[in-house]
Amino acid sequence: MLTHEENELLTRVGPGTEMNELFRRFWLPALLAEEMPAPDSPPVRVTLLGEELVAFKDTAGRIGFLDKRCPHRLANLFWGRNEEGGLRCIYHGWKYDVEGNCLDIPNVARSDGFRENIKTFAAYPGIERGGLVWVYMGPKELTPEPPEFEWTHVPDSHRYARKMVLPSNYLQSMEGDIDSSHVSFLHRLPSYGPAAETLTGIGNPLMSQDRTPRWTIKDTDYGVMLAARRAGGGDDSYYWRVGQWLMPSYTIIAGKRDAALHCNIRVPIDDEHTIYFRLWWHADRPLSEAELDDLKHAGIMMPEIIPGTFVPVENKGNDYLIDRETQRTLSFTGIKSVPAQDFAVQDDQDGPRMDRRLEHLASSDAAIIQVRRRLLRALRELREGQEPPEAHDGARYSVRSLDMELPKDVAIEDGGREYMTAKV
């Protein structure tokens, strides 16, 4: 159970909060690359950590994230023209580069050095990696390395990414990923189908047979290794699902050795809204047509999205399209897609920002407890002047998850070591 003060520390992400400062020490995914497909493409609205920004890619392909307000009369730069190396405000034509410098003031006859002193209220650098556009919002002198996830290095054909916007705090959404015992209940279905089962291990019957996982939890130099152990298929084996939680808000979900792997990312919009990226990749082969069909066309593993938005069709406003007859006869929830099953319990988990003082945690929640401790430790260290080391060593992120059986006398750290190292 967290105290009120600890819960406030972890869940408040707006300007001036400690969690805001911690997130700013890392490169953060902000957009799908397809949202900004080419130089001089239309600018894009982005709100991160309670800050409203406009992102654009200039003529040379450089990416910038600017405060949305034009410094002249505070008009919204989202309406601007992306042209000839800068973003031009449509109100009076003032123009800015990706670093926020004013390039032109066409409605003033003589600026006499005035233009050189004009800069947007904020300007942050952006990069494109792994099918995403990333932004760094922290101190320039502390600019970190981008995380070297395996999926940032594979060809586009080997990777697929989707984005959603959720009406809940980043933490309660993220904590679902590190809770292995819920998979035996919330996501229980008779069959997920062959394509979906190559994308996840949640259809393994061993999870239904043993619903009380035992944890092996290890603090690492990237975050926390979360290994859930269940009874195996034979008397002499254990079934292991190993997830990797990485600072500050990434989770690589337990996955089969020869199947596509899966990473979830939560980036706070504000205290009560979150950008949620789901990425699937395979290091050695393109994703198959069957896998892509399930991911792109609202199958079990991805919900349908309302056109023109990043809001799932299955959402709080329509009770996630729960079908009570299906719940009685086929699935545990009656909700179609796996993500929407999560949304139903997390978006409405004591409201969009839950009060963790009311929880009654059990041994099955050990992973959640450990990740909270790791985040609180990072906040304490930053308060004392110690920068998060994970942000400055991208190689720490070159890990994988795991889903496998091992003999009972083999420790997961030993039996799984080879498979949990990424090919970077």
Foldseek 3Di string as FASTA:
>chain_A
DDDQVLLCQVQFQAPPGLVVQQVLLFWAFWFFCVVAVAAQDQWDWTFFSNFTWIWHQHPVRWIKTFRQAQPPPGHGLSPFGRDDQWTFRPPQGFTAHQQFQTDDRPVDPDCPCVSRPGGTPAMWGWDDFLRTIITRRHDPVSQADHAPELSRPADPLFKDKAKAKAQFTLLLLLLVQLQVLCLLFLVDFCDQDDLVVLAAVSPPCQCVVFSQWAWDWDQDLFAIKTWTWGPDPDPFKIWIWIWDAGPPRKIWGGHALQGWTKMWGWTDSGSGMTMIMIMTGDNPDGRDPSNVCCQVPQAQAHAPADPPHRHGPQAPVCLRPADVVCCVPTGVTSHRHPVSSSSNCRCVVCHRRHDVVPDDDDSSSVSVVRRSVVVVVQSVCVVVPDRSPNRHDSLSNQFHIHTGMDGPVDDCCVVVVVSGGHDD
